[in-house]
Amino acid sequence: MKKRNKKYRPKLVMRDPITYVVNGTKKVSEEHQQNLAIKHSMAMTKFLQGNGDKSDFDIILGCVNMSLCMTEMFFNDNHRQTFLNGKAALKSLGERYYKLNKFVLNGDEIKALNLCIQVCEEYMRNLLVKEVEMAINEVQRRLDNKINVEKIKRAA
């Protein structure tokens, strides 16, 4: 008997497909928008006060990555350079973290990251839940396949 080539993956079972479809056609709720805005603001505040840690770095990095995917997928690359500047700022911030063992932002990085967060929050006001989920899945796919992934160099 011949061995199967494919690994078995069970089929996704949705409890309520109608609600899933209907919720996908709605805009992101005000409550979720406010929660995201608070998370982004708290992370940036911690960075500015010098109390930032890796979880805050991950929050801002997720914001920039997701917004970059949303730009490429839904907004014809209107703010692509803004998010590329934000990624560059995060990369230099991460490299500086490995040198100083502390997150320290300079003025240009603060401007770039604040602009990224503002545009991300505006995107969240204008997109549907389904589109945000598509962007999240695209970010995950890129991370899994190492597409546009930049490693932060550790200081020797």
C-alpha atoms as a PDB file:
ATOM      1  CA  MET A   1       0.000   0.000   0.000  1.00  0.00           C
ATOM      2  CA  LYS A   2       1.307   3.422  -0.957  1.00  0.00           C
ATOM      3  CA  LYS A   3       1.963   6.043   1.727  1.00  0.00           C
ATOM      4  CA  ARG A   4       0.047   9.327   1.493  1.00  0.00           C
ATOM      5  CA  ASN A   5       2.081  12.412   0.677  1.00  0.00           C
ATOM      6  CA  LYS A   6      -0.107  14.986   2.344  1.00  0.00           C
ATOM      7  CA  LYS A   7      -0.346  15.522   6.051  1.00  0.00           C
ATOM      8  CA  TYR A   8      -3.880  15.254   7.428  1.00  0.00           C
ATOM      9  CA  ARG A   9      -5.421  18.571   8.406  1.00  0.00           C
ATOM     10  CA  PRO A  10      -8.921  18.581   9.821  1.00  0.00           C
ATOM     11  CA  LYS A  11     -11.486  20.789   8.164  1.00  0.00           C
ATOM     12  CA  LEU A  12     -12.374  24.020   9.962  1.00  0.00           C
ATOM     13  CA  VAL A  13     -15.780  23.783  11.620  1.00  0.00           C
ATOM     14  CA  MET A  14     -17.601  27.063  12.151  1.00  0.00           C
ATOM     15  CA  ARG A  15     -20.242  27.156  14.826  1.00  0.00           C
ATOM     16  CA  ASP A  16     -22.204  29.982  13.209  1.00  0.00           C
ATOM     17  CA  PRO A  17     -21.197  30.718   9.597  1.00  0.00           C
ATOM     18  CA  ILE A  18     -23.927  33.321   9.061  1.00  0.00           C
ATOM     19  CA  THR A  19     -22.674  35.490  11.927  1.00  0.00           C
ATOM     20  CA  TYR A  20     -19.094  35.082  10.689  1.00  0.00           C
ATOM     21  CA  VAL A  21     -20.034  36.338   7.209  1.00  0.00           C
ATOM     22  CA  VAL A  22     -22.189  39.195   8.507  1.00  0.00           C
ATOM     23  CA  ASN A  23     -19.518  40.360  10.981  1.00  0.00           C
ATOM     24  CA  GLY A  24     -16.942  40.317   8.192  1.00  0.00           C
ATOM     25  CA  THR A  25     -18.930  42.962   6.321  1.00  0.00           C
ATOM     26  CA  LYS A  26     -18.987  45.365   9.277  1.00  0.00           C
ATOM     27  CA  LYS A  27     -16.446  48.019  10.135  1.00  0.00           C
ATOM     28  CA  VAL A  28     -14.103  47.530  13.068  1.00  0.00           C
ATOM     29  CA  SER A  29     -16.025  48.488  16.211  1.00  0.00           C
ATOM     30  CA  GLU A  30     -15.302  51.687  18.118  1.00  0.00           C
ATOM     31  CA  GLU A  31     -14.343  49.675  21.188  1.00  0.00           C
ATOM     32  CA  HIS A  32     -11.664  47.731  19.313  1.00  0.00           C
ATOM     33  CA  GLN A  33     -10.382  50.910  17.709  1.00  0.00           C
ATOM     34  CA  GLN A  34     -10.073  52.549  21.117  1.00  0.00           C
ATOM     35  CA  ASN A  35      -8.319  49.502  22.595  1.00  0.00           C
ATOM     36  CA  LEU A  36      -5.789  49.511  19.759  1.00  0.00           C
ATOM     37  CA  ALA A  37      -5.243  53.257  20.095  1.00  0.00           C
ATOM     38  CA  ILE A  38      -4.631  52.859  23.837  1.00  0.00           C
ATOM     39  CA  LYS A  39      -2.160  49.999  23.278  1.00  0.00           C
ATOM     40  CA  HIS A  40      -0.239  51.980  20.671  1.00  0.00           C
ATOM     41  CA  SER A  41      -0.219  55.137  22.790  1.00  0.00           C
ATOM     42  CA  MET A  42       0.908  53.300  25.915  1.00  0.00           C
ATOM     43  CA  ALA A  43       3.741  51.585  24.039  1.00  0.00           C
ATOM     44  CA  MET A  44       4.957  54.870  22.555  1.00  0.00           C
ATOM     45  CA  THR A  45       4.657  56.616  25.934  1.00  0.00           C
ATOM     46  CA  LYS A  46       6.770  53.920  27.560  1.00  0.00           C
ATOM     47  CA  PHE A  47       9.386  54.303  24.836  1.00  0.00           C
ATOM     48  CA  LEU A  48       9.450  58.072  25.280  1.00  0.00           C
ATOM     49  CA  GLN A  49       9.823  57.730  29.044  1.00  0.00           C
ATOM     50  CA  GLY A  50      12.613  55.180  28.624  1.00  0.00           C
ATOM     51  CA  ASN A  51      10.567  52.363  30.195  1.00  0.00           C
ATOM     52  CA  GLY A  52       9.799  50.452  27.002  1.00  0.00           C
ATOM     53  CA  ASP A  53      10.339  46.714  26.805  1.00  0.00           C
ATOM     54  CA  LYS A  54      10.144  44.000  24.162  1.00  0.00           C
ATOM     55  CA  SER A  55       6.366  43.635  24.422  1.00  0.00           C
ATOM     56  CA  ASP A  56       5.957  47.341  23.611  1.00  0.00           C
ATOM     57  CA  PHE A  57       8.367  46.899  20.707  1.00  0.00           C
ATOM     58  CA  ASP A  58       6.236  43.992  19.452  1.00  0.00           C
ATOM     59  CA  ILE A  59       3.046  46.071  19.665  1.00  0.00           C
ATOM     60  CA  ILE A  60       4.506  48.861  17.528  1.00  0.00           C
ATOM     61  CA  LEU A  61       6.117  46.357  15.139  1.00  0.00           C
ATOM     62  CA  GLY A  62       2.773  44.595  14.681  1.00  0.00           C
ATOM     63  CA  CYS A  63       1.090  47.919  13.972  1.00  0.00           C
ATOM     64  CA  VAL A  64       3.658  48.825  11.310  1.00  0.00           C
ATOM     65  CA  ASN A  65       3.660  45.378   9.665  1.00  0.00           C
ATOM     66  CA  MET A  66      -0.123  45.114   9.539  1.00  0.00           C
ATOM     67  CA  SER A  67      -0.488  48.653   8.208  1.00  0.00           C
ATOM     68  CA  LEU A  68       2.109  48.001   5.527  1.00  0.00           C
ATOM     69  CA  CYS A  69       0.126  44.968   4.373  1.00  0.00           C
ATOM     70  CA  MET A  70      -3.125  46.944   4.455  1.00  0.00           C
ATOM     71  CA  THR A  71      -1.483  49.658   2.346  1.00  0.00           C
ATOM     72  CA  GLU A  72      -0.295  47.174  -0.250  1.00  0.00           C
ATOM     73  CA  MET A  73      -3.588  45.276  -0.347  1.00  0.00           C
ATOM     74  CA  PHE A  74      -6.229  48.008  -0.163  1.00  0.00           C
ATOM     75  CA  PHE A  75      -4.765  51.495  -0.561  1.00  0.00           C
ATOM     76  CA  ASN A  76      -2.567  51.332  -3.697  1.00  0.00           C
ATOM     77  CA  ASP A  77       0.657  51.901  -1.757  1.00  0.00           C
ATOM     78  CA  ASN A  78      -0.378  55.459  -0.779  1.00  0.00           C
ATOM     79  CA  HIS A  79       1.552  55.435   2.513  1.00  0.00           C
ATOM     80  CA  ARG A  80       4.048  52.692   1.701  1.00  0.00           C
ATOM     81  CA  GLN A  81       7.072  54.927   2.256  1.00  0.00           C
ATOM     82  CA  THR A  82       5.681  56.014   5.622  1.00  0.00           C
ATOM     83  CA  PHE A  83       5.625  52.417   6.832  1.00  0.00           C
ATOM     84  CA  LEU A  84       9.007  51.605   5.321  1.00  0.00           C
ATOM     85  CA  ASN A  85      10.390  54.563   7.291  1.00  0.00           C
ATOM     86  CA  GLY A  86       8.672  53.148  10.377  1.00  0.00           C
ATOM     87  CA  LYS A  87      10.252  49.738   9.805  1.00  0.00           C
ATOM     88  CA  ALA A  88      13.664  51.362   9.399  1.00  0.00           C
ATOM     89  CA  ALA A  89      13.111  53.288  12.652  1.00  0.00           C
ATOM     90  CA  LEU A  90      12.180  50.069  14.456  1.00  0.00           C
ATOM     91  CA  LYS A  91      15.219  48.290  13.052  1.00  0.00           C
ATOM     92  CA  SER A  92      17.580  51.010  14.272  1.00  0.00           C
ATOM     93  CA  LEU A  93      15.736  51.048  17.615  1.00  0.00           C
ATOM     94  CA  GLY A  94      16.237  47.296  17.952  1.00  0.00           C
ATOM     95  CA  GLU A  95      19.927  47.524  17.070  1.00  0.00           C
ATOM     96  CA  ARG A  96      20.360  50.293  19.622  1.00  0.00           C
ATOM     97  CA  TYR A  97      18.598  48.103  22.194  1.00  0.00           C
ATOM     98  CA  TYR A  98      21.220  45.406  21.724  1.00  0.00           C
ATOM     99  CA  LYS A  99      24.000  47.962  22.235  1.00  0.00           C
ATOM    100  CA  LEU A 100      22.556  49.832  25.243  1.00  0.00           C
ATOM    101  CA  ASN A 101      20.163  47.196  26.602  1.00  0.00           C
ATOM    102  CA  LYS A 102      17.503  49.924  26.642  1.00  0.00           C
ATOM    103  CA  PHE A 103      15.060  51.272  24.073  1.00  0.00           C
ATOM    104  CA  VAL A 104      16.071  54.843  23.208  1.00  0.00           C
ATOM    105  CA  LEU A 105      14.348  56.764  20.405  1.00  0.00           C
ATOM    106  CA  ASN A 106      15.714  59.734  18.512  1.00  0.00           C
ATOM    107  CA  GLY A 107      13.608  62.543  17.023  1.00  0.00           C
ATOM    108  CA  ASP A 108      13.285  61.161  13.488  1.00  0.00           C
ATOM    109  CA  GLU A 109      12.250  57.745  14.802  1.00  0.00           C
ATOM    110  CA  ILE A 110       9.605  59.322  17.033  1.00  0.00           C
ATOM    111  CA  LYS A 111       8.154  61.220  14.059  1.00  0.00           C
ATOM    112  CA  ALA A 112       8.175  58.140  11.819  1.00  0.00           C
ATOM    113  CA  LEU A 113       6.539  55.872  14.401  1.00  0.00           C
ATOM    114  CA  ASN A 114       3.912  58.447  15.415  1.00  0.00           C
ATOM    115  CA  LEU A 115       2.955  58.935  11.770  1.00  0.00           C
ATOM    116  CA  CYS A 116       2.729  55.166  11.287  1.00  0.00           C
ATOM    117  CA  ILE A 117       0.442  54.831  14.292  1.00  0.00           C
ATOM    118  CA  GLN A 118      -1.802  57.679  13.120  1.00  0.00           C
ATOM    119  CA  VAL A 119      -2.181  56.187   9.649  1.00  0.00           C
ATOM    120  CA  CYS A 120      -2.795  52.718  11.123  1.00  0.00           C
ATOM    121  CA  GLU A 121      -5.591  54.049  13.315  1.00  0.00           C
ATOM    122  CA  GLU A 122      -7.119  55.816  10.315  1.00  0.00           C
ATOM    123  CA  TYR A 123      -6.991  52.568   8.339  1.00  0.00           C
ATOM    124  CA  MET A 124      -8.801  50.795  11.171  1.00  0.00           C
ATOM    125  CA  ARG A 125     -11.606  53.357  10.974  1.00  0.00           C
ATOM    126  CA  ASN A 126     -12.067  52.774   7.238  1.00  0.00           C
ATOM    127  CA  LEU A 127     -11.606  49.032   6.762  1.00  0.00           C
ATOM    128  CA  LEU A 128     -13.949  46.114   7.262  1.00  0.00           C
ATOM    129  CA  VAL A 129     -13.249  43.346   9.754  1.00  0.00           C
ATOM    130  CA  LYS A 130     -12.739  40.918   6.864  1.00  0.00           C
ATOM    131  CA  GLU A 131     -10.062  43.154   5.325  1.00  0.00           C
ATOM    132  CA  VAL A 132      -8.212  43.522   8.633  1.00  0.00           C
ATOM    133  CA  GLU A 133      -8.257  39.724   9.036  1.00  0.00           C
ATOM    134  CA  MET A 134      -6.857  39.365   5.517  1.00  0.00           C
ATOM    135  CA  ALA A 135      -4.020  41.753   6.406  1.00  0.00           C
ATOM    136  CA  ILE A 136      -3.257  39.834   9.606  1.00  0.00           C
ATOM    137  CA  ASN A 137      -3.150  36.559   7.658  1.00  0.00           C
ATOM    138  CA  GLU A 138      -0.841  38.152   5.089  1.00  0.00           C
ATOM    139  CA  VAL A 139       1.551  39.327   7.820  1.00  0.00           C
ATOM    140  CA  GLN A 140       1.572  35.814   9.273  1.00  0.00           C
ATOM    141  CA  ARG A 141       2.208  34.292   5.842  1.00  0.00           C
ATOM    142  CA  ARG A 142       5.122  36.661   5.253  1.00  0.00           C
ATOM    143  CA  LEU A 143       6.624  35.842   8.634  1.00  0.00           C
ATOM    144  CA  ASP A 144       6.241  32.096   8.085  1.00  0.00           C
ATOM    145  CA  ASN A 145       7.844  32.257   4.628  1.00  0.00           C
ATOM    146  CA  LYS A 146      10.431  34.890   5.647  1.00  0.00           C
ATOM    147  CA  ILE A 147       9.259  37.394   3.034  1.00  0.00           C
ATOM    148  CA  ASN A 148      10.494  40.970   3.678  1.00  0.00           C
ATOM    149  CA  VAL A 149      11.794  39.903   7.091  1.00  0.00           C
ATOM    150  CA  GLU A 150      14.756  41.920   8.310  1.00  0.00           C
ATOM    151  CA  LYS A 151      16.890  40.574  11.115  1.00  0.00           C
ATOM    152  CA  ILE A 152      18.074  42.994  13.756  1.00  0.00           C
ATOM    153  CA  LYS A 153      21.822  42.741  14.084  1.00  0.00           C
ATOM    154  CA  ARG A 154      23.177  42.132  17.548  1.00  0.00           C
ATOM    155  CA  ALA A 155      26.152  44.171  18.644  1.00  0.00           C
ATOM    156  CA  ALA A 156      29.295  42.071  18.895  1.00  0.00           C
END
